[in-house]
Amino acid sequence: MSAYWTYILQLRTGHYYVGHTGDLDRRIGEHMSGEGDGFVANRLPCTLVYADQFETRTQAFEQERRLKSWSRAKKEAFMEQRWSDLSILATPPKERQQRILADTKTPSQSSRAQSRDALKLLQNNDASLDCARDDEVQDITSNTHADTHPNA
């Protein structure tokens, strides 16, 4: 049975690179040696921070595209399995603030603490969102290696 992988590399610059492949060891080796895509090669060294196996190339490709569309903060919440943060970050920014503010009005002490944590998360990540989105656009448009295409 063939295995296909979606992976995330963290680059020297702190950027994340998302890709998929049918041979994870080979592809990571290519990245580490600077072969192929210039986006990674110009930001070495890199570290594999996430990998997930799929039965089909299509599934791996779909996961790659899904992850590439996410903000940096959402990718980090996903990789760190911070599911409550992931839920908050999945909400559009305007709705996020309304949801958090509504939660702070409830009498529950734990709910208020969660809302304060969520506000801190947003404040820490809002400043980097525009930059992260630009990085992700660069990430998507510069990803030209053969493993990007479902039929490769």
Protein backbone atom coordinates (compact mmCIF):
# COMPACT_ATOMS: atom_id res chain seq x y z
CA MET A 1 0.00 0.00 0.00
CA SER A 2 1.32 3.42 -0.95
CA ALA A 3 1.36 6.16 1.65
CA TYR A 4 1.07 9.86 1.00
CA TRP A 5 2.03 12.58 3.39
CA THR A 6 1.17 16.18 4.17
CA TYR A 7 3.93 17.93 6.06
CA ILE A 8 4.91 21.28 7.55
CA LEU A 9 8.48 22.52 7.77
CA GLN A 10 9.55 25.37 10.00
CA LEU A 11 12.24 27.36 8.25
CA ARG A 12 15.18 29.29 9.69
CA THR A 13 13.19 32.51 9.28
CA GLY A 14 10.27 31.12 11.30
CA HIS A 15 8.09 30.73 8.20
CA TYR A 16 6.08 27.57 7.71
CA TYR A 17 6.20 25.61 4.47
CA VAL A 18 3.37 23.17 3.74
CA GLY A 19 3.70 20.41 1.17
CA HIS A 20 2.69 16.87 0.32
CA THR A 21 4.57 13.92 -1.08
CA GLY A 22 4.48 10.20 -1.74
CA ASP A 23 7.93 9.72 -0.16
CA LEU A 24 8.38 11.77 3.00
CA ASP A 25 12.01 10.81 3.71
CA ARG A 26 13.10 11.59 0.14
CA ARG A 27 11.25 14.91 0.02
CA ILE A 28 12.53 16.12 3.40
CA GLY A 29 16.05 15.12 2.29
CA GLU A 30 15.60 17.20 -0.87
CA HIS A 31 14.46 20.19 1.18
CA MET A 32 17.33 19.82 3.67
CA SER A 33 19.91 19.67 0.85
CA GLY A 34 18.46 22.77 -0.82
CA GLU A 35 17.18 20.93 -3.90
CA GLY A 36 14.01 22.01 -5.63
CA ASP A 37 11.87 24.84 -4.39
CA GLY A 38 13.66 28.15 -3.81
CA PHE A 39 11.31 29.22 -1.02
CA VAL A 40 12.71 26.55 1.30
CA ALA A 41 16.23 26.51 -0.15
CA ASN A 42 16.63 30.23 0.61
CA ARG A 43 15.54 29.75 4.24
CA LEU A 44 17.53 26.71 5.41
CA PRO A 45 17.94 25.02 7.76
CA CYS A 46 14.45 23.67 8.25
CA THR A 47 12.77 21.36 10.72
CA LEU A 48 9.91 18.94 10.16
CA VAL A 49 7.23 20.02 12.66
CA TYR A 50 4.19 18.10 11.38
CA ALA A 51 3.49 15.11 9.17
CA ASP A 52 0.31 13.16 8.61
CA GLN A 53 -0.16 10.05 6.49
CA PHE A 54 -3.03 9.53 4.03
CA GLU A 55 -4.17 6.63 1.87
CA THR A 56 -4.42 8.64 -1.34
CA ARG A 57 -2.50 11.49 -2.94
CA THR A 58 -5.78 13.39 -3.29
CA GLN A 59 -6.37 13.29 0.48
CA ALA A 60 -2.81 14.50 1.17
CA PHE A 61 -3.16 17.26 -1.44
CA GLU A 62 -6.51 18.40 0.04
CA GLN A 63 -4.96 18.58 3.53
CA GLU A 64 -2.02 20.56 2.13
CA ARG A 65 -4.36 23.10 0.52
CA ARG A 66 -6.46 23.33 3.69
CA LEU A 67 -3.41 24.00 5.88
CA LYS A 68 -1.96 26.52 3.42
CA SER A 69 -5.11 28.60 3.65
CA TRP A 70 -4.84 28.90 7.44
CA SER A 71 -3.20 31.72 9.36
CA ARG A 72 0.07 31.10 11.16
CA ALA A 73 -1.76 31.16 14.51
CA LYS A 74 -4.26 28.56 13.33
CA LYS A 75 -1.49 26.28 12.00
CA GLU A 76 0.32 26.51 15.34
CA ALA A 77 -2.85 25.76 17.31
CA PHE A 78 -3.43 22.73 15.05
CA MET A 79 0.13 21.40 15.37
CA GLU A 80 0.05 21.90 19.15
CA GLN A 81 -3.41 20.31 19.38
CA ARG A 82 -4.86 23.38 21.09
CA TRP A 83 -8.38 22.55 19.93
CA SER A 84 -10.15 25.39 21.79
CA ASP A 85 -7.79 27.94 20.20
CA LEU A 86 -8.27 26.29 16.81
CA SER A 87 -12.02 26.72 17.20
CA ILE A 88 -11.60 30.42 18.02
CA LEU A 89 -9.17 30.97 15.15
CA ALA A 90 -11.56 29.27 12.72
CA THR A 91 -14.07 32.05 13.35
CA PRO A 92 -13.74 35.13 11.11
CA PRO A 93 -11.90 37.96 12.95
CA LYS A 94 -14.94 40.25 13.42
CA GLU A 95 -17.10 37.40 14.71
CA ARG A 96 -14.22 36.21 16.92
CA GLN A 97 -14.15 39.43 18.91
CA GLN A 98 -17.94 39.47 19.27
CA ARG A 99 -17.92 35.87 20.47
CA ILE A 100 -15.16 36.54 22.99
CA LEU A 101 -16.84 39.70 24.28
CA ALA A 102 -20.13 37.83 24.67
CA ASP A 103 -18.34 35.10 26.64
CA THR A 104 -16.85 37.66 29.04
CA LYS A 105 -20.35 38.78 30.05
CA THR A 106 -21.28 35.34 31.39
CA PRO A 107 -21.01 34.77 35.15
CA SER A 108 -18.81 31.68 34.85
CA GLN A 109 -15.30 32.26 36.22
CA SER A 110 -13.75 29.62 33.93
CA SER A 111 -15.53 31.10 30.93
CA ARG A 112 -14.10 34.55 31.75
CA ALA A 113 -10.63 33.07 32.13
CA GLN A 114 -10.96 31.30 28.76
CA SER A 115 -12.14 34.53 27.16
CA ARG A 116 -9.19 36.45 28.62
CA ASP A 117 -6.86 33.76 27.26
CA ALA A 118 -8.55 33.98 23.87
CA LEU A 119 -8.17 37.78 23.83
CA LYS A 120 -4.46 37.40 24.66
CA LEU A 121 -4.12 34.85 21.87
CA LEU A 122 -5.74 37.25 19.42
CA GLN A 123 -3.69 40.23 20.58
CA ASN A 124 -0.48 38.23 20.26
CA ASN A 125 -1.37 36.99 16.79
CA ASP A 126 -3.25 39.93 15.23
CA ALA A 127 -0.04 41.86 14.64
CA SER A 128 1.45 38.97 12.70
CA LEU A 129 -1.68 38.03 10.73
CA ASP A 130 -1.07 40.38 7.80
CA CYS A 131 2.55 39.28 7.59
CA ALA A 132 1.54 35.63 7.96
CA ARG A 133 -1.06 35.94 5.21
CA ASP A 134 1.58 37.45 2.91
CA ASP A 135 3.91 34.58 3.81
CA GLU A 136 1.20 32.04 3.03
CA VAL A 137 0.49 33.63 -0.35
CA GLN A 138 4.22 33.41 -1.06
CA ASP A 139 4.16 29.84 0.25
CA ILE A 140 1.32 28.85 -2.08
CA THR A 141 2.57 30.64 -5.18
CA SER A 142 6.17 29.53 -4.82
CA ASN A 143 5.31 25.87 -4.29
CA THR A 144 6.15 24.48 -7.71
CA HIS A 145 7.70 21.09 -7.00
CA ALA A 146 6.17 18.05 -8.68
CA ASP A 147 4.69 16.73 -5.43
CA THR A 148 2.28 19.69 -5.36
CA HIS A 149 0.23 18.30 -8.20
CA PRO A 150 -2.26 15.51 -7.50
CA ASN A 151 -1.18 13.47 -10.52
CA ALA A 152 2.57 13.77 -9.92
